[in-house]
Amino acid sequence: MPTPAASTRAPRRDATENRAALLEAAKTELQRDPDASLETIAAAAGLSRRAVYGHFPSRDDLVREVVTIGAARIAAAMPTTGDLVDVPPAARIAAIAVALWAEVSHVRSMAAVAVREPFIQSVAAEFAPVRARVREACALGIADGTMRDDVSPDALGRLVEDACIAVLDEATRSGTSDAAGRRMVVLSALGVTGIDWRTALLSEPAPPAAASPTPSATASPTSSSPTSTEEPSA
């Protein structure tokens, strides 16, 4: 006969597993279709719609949880203040833009959902430190004359953010390649600061180096064969 402790532990474990399954299913289905219904998400998680309401009062609440978790993960991957301390203002913005693109390029539809109402405020809270780094870069660029000075650093930071979102929208709509999107986000983010595109290209970080092939991968088919001990024929 199960003990009282055992009978109370199982529901908690099941509830945790069901919630995790819902969040994972929501990520997958929303990436496939940003308008995926609650029924579709529940079915993908192997649950009924009624079971969903035991965890989330509405579809919006479920989606908000998904995008907030995703935003926290992306924000944690952005360059830190320490990473940027000796970097020129334009290169700071380029580094942030490229890091952002690297994190969202494979989940474009989901990211596009995250930066729209009613979820943008939840995402904004997670990205507050990143926004502060962009504003600081704008302030430095305005001060040293490399960026336009007709707007405040706060306003310029918002323009940079809007430019990055516009690139995400275009890349999602047109199926832009990763490499093209990477360059586009740098040129767009720096373009709104008053830097022309040719100069902006100079601030684009170098793309990640391809992994070097292992010696076994580059060896010729015969190089790994045992050396013959037979004497050559006369």
Protein backbone atom coordinates (compact mmCIF):
# COMPACT_ATOMS: atom_id res chain seq x y z
CA MET A 1 0.00 0.00 0.00
CA PRO A 2 1.54 3.35 -0.98
CA THR A 3 2.56 5.63 1.83
CA PRO A 4 1.00 9.13 2.08
CA ALA A 5 4.36 10.66 1.19
CA ALA A 6 4.65 8.58 -1.99
CA SER A 7 1.11 9.42 -3.08
CA THR A 8 1.77 13.16 -2.75
CA ARG A 9 5.14 13.11 -4.52
CA ALA A 10 3.93 11.54 -7.79
CA PRO A 11 1.45 14.29 -8.74
CA ARG A 12 4.11 16.93 -8.18
CA ARG A 13 6.54 15.04 -10.39
CA ASP A 14 3.89 14.55 -13.07
CA ALA A 15 2.91 18.21 -12.90
CA THR A 16 6.53 19.26 -13.37
CA GLU A 17 6.97 16.92 -16.32
CA ASN A 18 3.72 18.06 -17.93
CA ARG A 19 4.66 21.71 -17.57
CA ALA A 20 8.07 21.07 -19.13
CA ALA A 21 6.41 19.14 -21.98
CA LEU A 22 4.03 22.03 -22.61
CA LEU A 23 6.83 24.58 -22.75
CA GLU A 24 8.88 22.44 -25.12
CA ALA A 25 5.87 21.76 -27.35
CA ALA A 26 5.00 25.45 -27.41
CA LYS A 27 8.52 26.36 -28.55
CA THR A 28 8.38 23.82 -31.36
CA GLU A 29 4.86 24.59 -32.55
CA LEU A 30 5.20 28.37 -32.36
CA GLN A 31 8.39 28.20 -34.40
CA ARG A 32 6.48 26.18 -36.99
CA ASP A 33 3.38 28.40 -36.82
CA PRO A 34 3.34 31.59 -34.69
CA ASP A 35 -0.47 31.31 -34.55
CA ALA A 36 -0.47 27.70 -33.33
CA SER A 37 -3.58 27.06 -31.23
CA LEU A 38 -3.64 25.88 -27.66
CA GLU A 39 -5.14 22.60 -28.87
CA THR A 40 -2.20 22.08 -31.25
CA ILE A 41 0.34 22.78 -28.51
CA ALA A 42 -1.45 20.54 -26.03
CA ALA A 43 -1.63 17.69 -28.53
CA ALA A 44 2.09 18.01 -29.28
CA ALA A 45 2.75 17.73 -25.55
CA GLY A 46 0.53 14.65 -25.32
CA LEU A 47 -1.98 16.47 -23.12
CA SER A 48 -5.57 17.64 -23.36
CA ARG A 49 -6.53 21.30 -23.59
CA ARG A 50 -8.09 20.96 -20.16
CA ALA A 51 -4.76 19.77 -18.74
CA VAL A 52 -3.09 22.94 -20.04
CA TYR A 53 -5.32 25.10 -17.85
CA GLY A 54 -3.90 23.37 -14.80
CA HIS A 55 -0.61 25.09 -15.61
CA PHE A 56 -1.49 28.21 -17.60
CA PRO A 57 -4.74 30.22 -17.44
CA SER A 58 -4.58 31.07 -21.16
CA ARG A 59 -2.60 30.65 -24.35
CA ASP A 60 -1.05 34.08 -23.82
CA ASP A 61 0.23 33.01 -20.40
CA LEU A 62 1.84 29.91 -21.90
CA VAL A 63 3.44 31.85 -24.73
CA ARG A 64 4.61 34.56 -22.32
CA GLU A 65 6.39 31.95 -20.23
CA VAL A 66 8.09 30.51 -23.32
CA VAL A 67 9.29 33.86 -24.66
CA THR A 68 10.44 35.05 -21.23
CA ILE A 69 12.57 31.93 -20.77
CA GLY A 70 13.95 32.37 -24.28
CA ALA A 71 14.69 36.06 -23.70
CA ALA A 72 16.59 35.28 -20.51
CA ARG A 73 18.69 32.71 -22.36
CA ILE A 74 19.46 35.11 -25.20
CA ALA A 75 20.25 38.02 -22.87
CA ALA A 76 22.71 35.82 -20.98
CA ALA A 77 24.55 35.12 -24.26
CA MET A 78 25.09 38.80 -25.09
CA PRO A 79 28.50 40.48 -24.67
CA THR A 80 28.95 41.76 -21.12
CA THR A 81 30.07 45.22 -20.07
CA GLY A 82 33.48 43.71 -19.37
CA ASP A 83 33.64 42.23 -22.85
CA LEU A 84 33.00 45.65 -24.39
CA VAL A 85 35.04 47.92 -22.14
CA ASP A 86 37.91 48.50 -24.60
CA VAL A 87 35.81 48.23 -27.77
CA PRO A 88 34.96 51.33 -29.90
CA PRO A 89 31.29 52.40 -29.85
CA ALA A 90 30.40 51.19 -33.35
CA ALA A 91 32.08 47.83 -32.77
CA ARG A 92 30.16 47.48 -29.48
CA ILE A 93 26.84 47.81 -31.25
CA ALA A 94 27.99 45.48 -34.02
CA ALA A 95 29.07 42.86 -31.47
CA ILE A 96 25.71 43.00 -29.70
CA ALA A 97 23.80 42.86 -32.99
CA VAL A 98 25.77 39.85 -34.23
CA ALA A 99 25.41 38.01 -30.91
CA LEU A 100 21.68 38.67 -30.99
CA TRP A 101 21.39 37.39 -34.55
CA ALA A 102 23.36 34.24 -33.68
CA GLU A 103 20.87 33.45 -30.92
CA VAL A 104 17.65 34.12 -32.83
CA SER A 105 18.45 33.23 -36.45
CA HIS A 106 17.40 29.58 -35.95
CA VAL A 107 14.18 30.50 -34.11
CA ARG A 108 13.09 33.49 -36.18
CA SER A 109 9.34 32.92 -36.03
CA MET A 110 9.43 32.43 -32.28
CA ALA A 111 11.58 35.52 -31.83
CA ALA A 112 9.20 37.56 -33.98
CA VAL A 113 6.38 36.57 -31.63
CA ALA A 114 8.43 37.64 -28.61
CA VAL A 115 8.95 41.22 -29.77
CA ARG A 116 5.25 41.92 -30.29
CA GLU A 117 2.36 42.66 -27.95
CA PRO A 118 1.30 41.32 -25.55
CA PHE A 119 4.71 39.76 -24.81
CA ILE A 120 7.14 42.60 -25.46
CA GLN A 121 7.07 43.90 -21.88
CA SER A 122 8.14 40.55 -20.46
CA VAL A 123 10.97 40.38 -22.97
CA ALA A 124 11.95 44.00 -22.30
CA ALA A 125 12.54 43.25 -18.63
CA GLU A 126 15.01 40.49 -19.51
CA PHE A 127 16.81 42.68 -22.04
CA ALA A 128 17.17 45.75 -19.80
CA PRO A 129 20.92 45.19 -19.22
CA VAL A 130 21.53 44.73 -22.96
CA ARG A 131 19.62 47.92 -23.73
CA ALA A 132 21.80 49.74 -21.22
CA ARG A 133 24.94 48.58 -23.06
CA VAL A 134 23.51 49.77 -26.38
CA ARG A 135 22.65 53.18 -24.87
CA GLU A 136 26.15 53.46 -23.43
CA ALA A 137 27.67 52.71 -26.84
CA CYS A 138 25.42 55.33 -28.41
CA ALA A 139 26.41 57.90 -25.79
CA LEU A 140 30.10 57.23 -26.42
CA GLY A 141 29.60 57.40 -30.19
CA ILE A 142 27.77 60.71 -29.92
CA ALA A 143 30.47 62.08 -27.63
CA ASP A 144 33.37 61.13 -29.91
CA GLY A 145 31.60 62.34 -33.06
CA THR A 146 31.33 58.97 -34.79
CA MET A 147 27.53 58.84 -34.42
CA ARG A 148 24.75 61.30 -35.15
CA ASP A 149 24.09 63.84 -32.40
CA ASP A 150 20.63 65.07 -33.38
CA VAL A 151 18.97 62.63 -30.96
CA SER A 152 19.66 61.55 -27.40
CA PRO A 153 21.50 58.32 -26.55
CA ASP A 154 18.21 56.86 -25.30
CA ALA A 155 16.44 57.66 -28.56
CA LEU A 156 19.34 56.38 -30.63
CA GLY A 157 19.39 53.17 -28.63
CA ARG A 158 15.71 52.64 -29.39
CA LEU A 159 16.36 53.22 -33.09
CA VAL A 160 19.11 50.60 -33.01
CA GLU A 161 16.73 48.15 -31.34
CA ASP A 162 14.00 48.86 -33.89
CA ALA A 163 16.47 48.30 -36.72
CA CYS A 164 17.40 44.88 -35.33
CA ILE A 165 13.72 43.93 -35.05
CA ALA A 166 13.12 45.08 -38.64
CA VAL A 167 15.92 42.79 -39.82
CA LEU A 168 14.39 39.89 -37.90
CA ASP A 169 11.02 40.55 -39.56
CA GLU A 170 12.55 40.73 -43.03
CA ALA A 171 14.70 37.64 -42.49
CA THR A 172 11.68 35.68 -41.27
CA ARG A 173 9.54 36.79 -44.21
CA SER A 174 12.13 36.30 -46.95
CA GLY A 175 14.15 33.37 -45.61
CA THR A 176 17.40 35.34 -45.50
CA SER A 177 20.49 33.18 -45.05
CA ASP A 178 22.36 33.28 -41.76
CA ALA A 179 25.38 35.00 -43.30
CA ALA A 180 23.27 37.63 -45.09
CA GLY A 181 21.20 38.25 -41.98
CA ARG A 182 24.33 38.67 -39.90
CA ARG A 183 25.63 41.37 -42.20
CA MET A 184 22.22 42.98 -42.58
CA VAL A 185 21.74 43.37 -38.84
CA VAL A 186 25.14 45.07 -38.47
CA LEU A 187 24.55 47.47 -41.36
CA SER A 188 21.02 48.29 -40.20
CA ALA A 189 21.93 48.80 -36.54
CA LEU A 190 24.87 51.06 -37.37
CA GLY A 191 23.08 52.75 -40.25
CA VAL A 192 20.55 54.38 -37.94
CA THR A 193 23.42 55.81 -35.88
CA GLY A 194 24.58 57.80 -38.91
CA ILE A 195 27.43 55.51 -39.94
CA ASP A 196 27.52 54.79 -43.68
CA TRP A 197 27.37 51.17 -44.76
CA ARG A 198 30.95 50.97 -46.02
CA THR A 199 32.30 52.16 -42.69
CA ALA A 200 29.84 49.94 -40.84
CA LEU A 201 31.26 46.89 -42.61
CA LEU A 202 34.60 47.61 -40.95
CA SER A 203 32.96 47.11 -37.55
CA GLU A 204 31.41 43.75 -38.42
CA PRO A 205 33.00 41.06 -36.24
CA ALA A 206 34.77 38.29 -38.10
CA PRO A 207 32.54 35.25 -38.62
CA PRO A 208 33.25 32.26 -36.38
CA ALA A 209 36.11 30.17 -37.70
CA ALA A 210 35.15 26.80 -39.08
CA ALA A 211 36.29 23.92 -36.96
CA SER A 212 39.57 22.45 -38.16
CA PRO A 213 39.20 18.91 -39.46
CA THR A 214 40.66 16.22 -37.26
CA PRO A 215 43.80 14.44 -38.48
CA SER A 216 41.78 11.27 -39.03
CA ALA A 217 39.38 13.17 -41.27
CA THR A 218 42.16 14.59 -43.44
CA ALA A 219 44.26 11.44 -43.71
CA SER A 220 44.30 9.79 -47.11
CA PRO A 221 42.60 6.40 -47.40
CA THR A 222 45.96 4.68 -47.71
CA SER A 223 47.72 6.53 -44.91
CA SER A 224 46.00 4.51 -42.23
CA SER A 225 46.58 1.17 -43.96
CA PRO A 226 49.21 -1.15 -42.46
CA THR A 227 52.58 -0.89 -44.18
CA SER A 228 53.24 -3.89 -46.44
CA THR A 229 56.13 -6.11 -45.39
CA GLU A 230 56.41 -7.88 -48.75
CA GLU A 231 59.60 -7.42 -50.75
CA PRO A 232 59.10 -5.74 -54.13
CA SER A 233 59.28 -8.14 -57.05
CA ALA A 234 62.34 -8.06 -59.20
